[in-house]
N, C-alpha and C. Protein backbone atom coordinates (compact mmCIF):
# COMPACT_ATOMS: atom_id res chain seq x y z
N TYR A 1 -9.83 4.45 39.88
CA TYR A 1 -9.98 4.91 38.50
C TYR A 1 -8.78 4.48 37.69
N LYS A 2 -9.05 3.80 36.58
CA LYS A 2 -7.97 3.28 35.75
C LYS A 2 -7.92 4.04 34.43
N MET A 3 -6.73 4.48 34.06
CA MET A 3 -6.55 5.21 32.80
C MET A 3 -6.64 4.23 31.63
N GLN A 4 -7.48 4.52 30.65
CA GLN A 4 -7.57 3.64 29.48
C GLN A 4 -6.45 3.95 28.51
N GLU A 5 -5.98 2.89 27.87
CA GLU A 5 -4.94 3.09 26.87
C GLU A 5 -5.55 3.63 25.59
N ILE A 6 -4.92 4.63 25.04
CA ILE A 6 -5.43 5.23 23.80
C ILE A 6 -4.44 4.91 22.69
N ALA A 7 -4.94 4.27 21.64
CA ALA A 7 -4.07 3.96 20.51
C ALA A 7 -3.67 5.27 19.83
N SER A 8 -2.46 5.31 19.33
CA SER A 8 -2.00 6.52 18.67
C SER A 8 -2.85 6.81 17.43
N ALA A 9 -3.19 8.05 17.22
CA ALA A 9 -4.05 8.43 16.10
C ALA A 9 -3.38 8.13 14.78
N THR A 10 -2.07 8.32 14.71
CA THR A 10 -1.38 8.05 13.45
C THR A 10 -1.41 6.57 13.13
N GLU A 11 -1.30 5.73 14.15
CA GLU A 11 -1.35 4.29 13.92
C GLU A 11 -2.71 3.88 13.35
N ALA A 12 -3.77 4.45 13.90
CA ALA A 12 -5.12 4.13 13.42
C ALA A 12 -5.29 4.57 11.97
N LEU A 13 -4.72 5.72 11.63
CA LEU A 13 -4.82 6.21 10.26
C LEU A 13 -4.03 5.35 9.29
N ILE A 14 -2.83 4.97 9.69
CA ILE A 14 -1.94 4.32 8.75
C ILE A 14 -2.36 2.89 8.44
N SER A 15 -2.78 2.13 9.44
CA SER A 15 -2.95 0.72 9.14
C SER A 15 -4.37 0.23 9.31
N HIS A 16 -5.11 0.21 8.22
CA HIS A 16 -6.42 -0.43 8.24
C HIS A 16 -6.23 -1.92 8.00
N GLY A 17 -5.17 -2.27 7.32
CA GLY A 17 -4.92 -3.67 7.03
C GLY A 17 -3.70 -3.85 6.17
N LYS A 18 -3.34 -5.10 5.99
CA LYS A 18 -2.17 -5.42 5.16
C LYS A 18 -2.65 -5.73 3.75
N LEU A 19 -1.84 -5.34 2.79
CA LEU A 19 -2.13 -5.65 1.40
C LEU A 19 -1.59 -7.03 1.04
N THR A 20 -2.28 -7.71 0.15
CA THR A 20 -1.76 -8.94 -0.45
C THR A 20 -1.02 -8.53 -1.71
N ILE A 21 0.30 -8.76 -1.73
CA ILE A 21 1.14 -8.33 -2.85
C ILE A 21 1.93 -9.55 -3.34
N TYR A 22 1.92 -9.76 -4.65
CA TYR A 22 2.68 -10.88 -5.23
C TYR A 22 3.14 -10.52 -6.62
N PRO A 23 4.11 -11.17 -7.26
CA PRO A 23 5.08 -12.04 -6.57
C PRO A 23 5.98 -11.18 -5.69
N ASN A 24 6.44 -11.74 -4.62
CA ASN A 24 7.23 -10.96 -3.67
C ASN A 24 8.33 -11.84 -3.10
N PRO A 25 9.59 -11.65 -3.47
CA PRO A 25 10.09 -10.59 -4.35
C PRO A 25 9.64 -10.77 -5.80
N GLY A 26 9.67 -9.68 -6.55
CA GLY A 26 9.26 -9.69 -7.94
C GLY A 26 10.21 -8.87 -8.78
N HIS A 27 9.80 -8.66 -10.06
CA HIS A 27 10.70 -7.93 -10.96
C HIS A 27 9.99 -6.83 -11.76
N ASP A 28 9.06 -7.19 -12.62
CA ASP A 28 8.45 -6.21 -13.53
C ASP A 28 7.07 -5.72 -13.14
N VAL A 29 6.34 -6.53 -12.36
CA VAL A 29 4.95 -6.21 -12.04
C VAL A 29 4.70 -6.40 -10.55
N ILE A 30 3.95 -5.46 -9.96
CA ILE A 30 3.47 -5.61 -8.59
C ILE A 30 1.97 -5.88 -8.69
N ASN A 31 1.55 -7.05 -8.26
CA ASN A 31 0.12 -7.38 -8.22
C ASN A 31 -0.38 -7.13 -6.80
N VAL A 32 -1.47 -6.37 -6.70
CA VAL A 32 -2.04 -6.03 -5.39
C VAL A 32 -3.50 -6.46 -5.40
N ILE A 33 -3.92 -7.18 -4.35
CA ILE A 33 -5.32 -7.55 -4.21
C ILE A 33 -5.91 -6.77 -3.05
N LEU A 34 -6.95 -5.98 -3.33
CA LEU A 34 -7.61 -5.18 -2.30
C LEU A 34 -8.62 -6.03 -1.54
N THR A 35 -8.87 -5.64 -0.31
CA THR A 35 -9.91 -6.30 0.47
C THR A 35 -11.28 -5.87 -0.06
N ASP A 36 -12.29 -6.68 0.24
CA ASP A 36 -13.64 -6.41 -0.27
C ASP A 36 -14.26 -5.14 0.28
N ASP A 37 -13.73 -4.65 1.42
CA ASP A 37 -14.35 -3.46 2.02
C ASP A 37 -13.70 -2.16 1.57
N ALA A 38 -12.78 -2.22 0.62
CA ALA A 38 -12.18 -0.99 0.10
C ALA A 38 -13.15 -0.31 -0.87
N PHE A 39 -13.37 1.00 -0.67
CA PHE A 39 -14.26 1.75 -1.56
C PHE A 39 -13.47 2.19 -2.80
N LEU A 40 -13.91 1.76 -3.97
CA LEU A 40 -13.25 2.14 -5.22
C LEU A 40 -13.78 3.50 -5.67
N PRO A 41 -13.02 4.30 -6.41
CA PRO A 41 -11.62 4.06 -6.78
C PRO A 41 -10.68 4.31 -5.60
N VAL A 42 -9.46 3.80 -5.73
CA VAL A 42 -8.46 4.00 -4.69
C VAL A 42 -7.26 4.74 -5.27
N ARG A 43 -6.54 5.42 -4.40
CA ARG A 43 -5.28 6.04 -4.80
C ARG A 43 -4.16 5.13 -4.32
N TYR A 44 -3.10 5.05 -5.11
CA TYR A 44 -1.96 4.23 -4.68
C TYR A 44 -0.68 5.04 -4.75
N ARG A 45 0.31 4.58 -3.98
CA ARG A 45 1.62 5.23 -3.98
C ARG A 45 2.67 4.16 -3.75
N ILE A 46 3.75 4.21 -4.52
CA ILE A 46 4.89 3.33 -4.32
C ILE A 46 6.04 4.20 -3.85
N THR A 47 6.55 3.92 -2.64
CA THR A 47 7.66 4.71 -2.10
C THR A 47 8.81 3.79 -1.74
N ASP A 48 10.02 4.34 -1.77
CA ASP A 48 11.18 3.55 -1.31
C ASP A 48 11.31 3.71 0.20
N MET A 49 12.29 3.04 0.78
CA MET A 49 12.44 3.05 2.23
C MET A 49 12.81 4.43 2.78
N GLN A 50 13.28 5.34 1.93
CA GLN A 50 13.60 6.70 2.37
C GLN A 50 12.37 7.61 2.27
N GLY A 51 11.27 7.07 1.76
CA GLY A 51 10.04 7.86 1.67
C GLY A 51 9.84 8.59 0.36
N HIS A 52 10.75 8.39 -0.61
CA HIS A 52 10.58 9.04 -1.92
C HIS A 52 9.52 8.32 -2.73
N THR A 53 8.58 9.08 -3.29
CA THR A 53 7.53 8.49 -4.12
C THR A 53 8.06 8.22 -5.52
N HIS A 54 7.90 6.98 -5.99
CA HIS A 54 8.34 6.60 -7.34
C HIS A 54 7.19 6.58 -8.32
N GLU A 55 5.99 6.31 -7.81
CA GLU A 55 4.81 6.35 -8.67
C GLU A 55 3.58 6.54 -7.80
N ALA A 56 2.58 7.22 -8.35
CA ALA A 56 1.31 7.40 -7.65
C ALA A 56 0.22 7.49 -8.71
N GLY A 57 -0.98 7.11 -8.33
CA GLY A 57 -2.07 7.18 -9.30
C GLY A 57 -3.36 6.70 -8.70
N VAL A 58 -4.33 6.43 -9.58
CA VAL A 58 -5.66 6.00 -9.17
C VAL A 58 -5.96 4.67 -9.87
N GLN A 59 -6.60 3.77 -9.14
CA GLN A 59 -7.03 2.48 -9.70
C GLN A 59 -8.52 2.30 -9.42
N THR A 60 -9.21 1.65 -10.35
CA THR A 60 -10.65 1.46 -10.21
C THR A 60 -11.04 -0.01 -10.04
N GLN A 61 -10.06 -0.89 -9.90
CA GLN A 61 -10.35 -2.32 -9.74
C GLN A 61 -9.74 -2.86 -8.46
N ARG A 62 -10.25 -4.00 -7.98
CA ARG A 62 -9.71 -4.64 -6.78
C ARG A 62 -8.40 -5.37 -7.04
N ASP A 63 -8.26 -5.90 -8.25
CA ASP A 63 -7.01 -6.59 -8.61
C ASP A 63 -6.15 -5.60 -9.39
N ILE A 64 -5.11 -5.11 -8.76
CA ILE A 64 -4.31 -4.04 -9.34
C ILE A 64 -2.98 -4.60 -9.83
N LYS A 65 -2.60 -4.21 -11.06
CA LYS A 65 -1.30 -4.57 -11.62
C LYS A 65 -0.52 -3.27 -11.83
N LEU A 66 0.59 -3.14 -11.13
CA LEU A 66 1.41 -1.93 -11.26
C LEU A 66 2.71 -2.26 -11.96
N ASP A 67 3.10 -1.43 -12.90
CA ASP A 67 4.37 -1.62 -13.61
C ASP A 67 5.51 -1.28 -12.67
N ALA A 68 6.44 -2.22 -12.52
CA ALA A 68 7.59 -1.99 -11.64
C ALA A 68 8.90 -2.11 -12.41
N GLY A 69 8.82 -2.24 -13.72
CA GLY A 69 10.01 -2.43 -14.54
C GLY A 69 11.01 -1.29 -14.42
N PHE A 70 10.53 -0.08 -14.18
CA PHE A 70 11.40 1.11 -14.11
C PHE A 70 12.06 1.27 -12.75
N LEU A 71 11.60 0.53 -11.73
CA LEU A 71 12.12 0.72 -10.38
C LEU A 71 13.49 0.06 -10.22
N PRO A 72 14.42 0.71 -9.51
CA PRO A 72 15.68 0.04 -9.21
C PRO A 72 15.46 -1.08 -8.20
N SER A 73 16.36 -2.05 -8.16
CA SER A 73 16.26 -3.14 -7.18
C SER A 73 16.22 -2.55 -5.78
N GLY A 74 15.42 -3.15 -4.90
CA GLY A 74 15.35 -2.67 -3.52
C GLY A 74 14.02 -2.97 -2.90
N LYS A 75 13.79 -2.37 -1.73
CA LYS A 75 12.55 -2.57 -0.97
C LYS A 75 11.65 -1.36 -1.12
N TYR A 76 10.35 -1.61 -1.21
CA TYR A 76 9.37 -0.55 -1.42
C TYR A 76 8.16 -0.73 -0.52
N HIS A 77 7.51 0.39 -0.23
CA HIS A 77 6.20 0.38 0.44
C HIS A 77 5.16 0.65 -0.64
N VAL A 78 4.07 -0.10 -0.59
CA VAL A 78 2.92 0.18 -1.44
C VAL A 78 1.81 0.61 -0.49
N VAL A 79 1.26 1.81 -0.74
CA VAL A 79 0.21 2.36 0.12
C VAL A 79 -1.02 2.58 -0.75
N ILE A 80 -2.16 2.10 -0.26
CA ILE A 80 -3.43 2.28 -0.96
C ILE A 80 -4.35 3.05 -0.02
N MET A 81 -5.04 4.06 -0.55
CA MET A 81 -6.00 4.80 0.25
C MET A 81 -7.32 4.88 -0.50
N ASP A 82 -8.41 4.50 0.18
CA ASP A 82 -9.70 4.61 -0.49
C ASP A 82 -10.34 5.97 -0.19
N LYS A 83 -11.49 6.21 -0.82
CA LYS A 83 -12.07 7.55 -0.70
C LYS A 83 -12.63 7.84 0.68
N SER A 84 -12.76 6.82 1.53
CA SER A 84 -13.20 7.08 2.90
C SER A 84 -12.01 7.41 3.80
N GLY A 85 -10.78 7.39 3.22
CA GLY A 85 -9.60 7.77 3.99
C GLY A 85 -8.88 6.61 4.65
N ARG A 86 -9.39 5.39 4.46
CA ARG A 86 -8.71 4.24 5.05
C ARG A 86 -7.49 3.87 4.23
N ARG A 87 -6.46 3.37 4.92
CA ARG A 87 -5.20 3.02 4.25
C ARG A 87 -4.85 1.57 4.47
N TRP A 88 -4.22 1.00 3.43
CA TRP A 88 -3.64 -0.33 3.52
C TRP A 88 -2.19 -0.20 3.08
N THR A 89 -1.31 -0.95 3.72
CA THR A 89 0.10 -0.87 3.37
C THR A 89 0.67 -2.25 3.17
N GLY A 90 1.71 -2.32 2.37
CA GLY A 90 2.42 -3.57 2.18
C GLY A 90 3.85 -3.28 1.75
N LYS A 91 4.71 -4.26 1.94
CA LYS A 91 6.11 -4.13 1.49
C LYS A 91 6.30 -5.03 0.28
N TRP A 92 7.13 -4.55 -0.64
CA TRP A 92 7.44 -5.31 -1.84
C TRP A 92 8.93 -5.19 -2.10
N VAL A 93 9.54 -6.29 -2.55
CA VAL A 93 10.97 -6.30 -2.84
C VAL A 93 11.17 -6.56 -4.32
N LYS A 94 11.96 -5.68 -4.97
CA LYS A 94 12.33 -5.92 -6.37
C LYS A 94 13.69 -6.57 -6.37
N ASP A 95 13.76 -7.75 -7.01
CA ASP A 95 15.06 -8.45 -7.04
C ASP A 95 15.92 -7.99 -8.20
């Protein structure tokens, strides 16, 4: 009898896929392209590497433009969650 490997539940929740984010690094705007299987509308969150949320909201389109002009220079996580609970994540750098 062989024990099957079980993927961690948190890993399954967190990563449904990678986001396409450009320009990266960027300055004033974060452009995000959602995959075709994302159910709209989606919720988004921009957090810094310490986990502090800088902006959150709802988007109703696949091609998302987020204002990043107010963010200090640094590295950020962009997290998108659709209404079925799936998540996509990406990293973005503000120069």
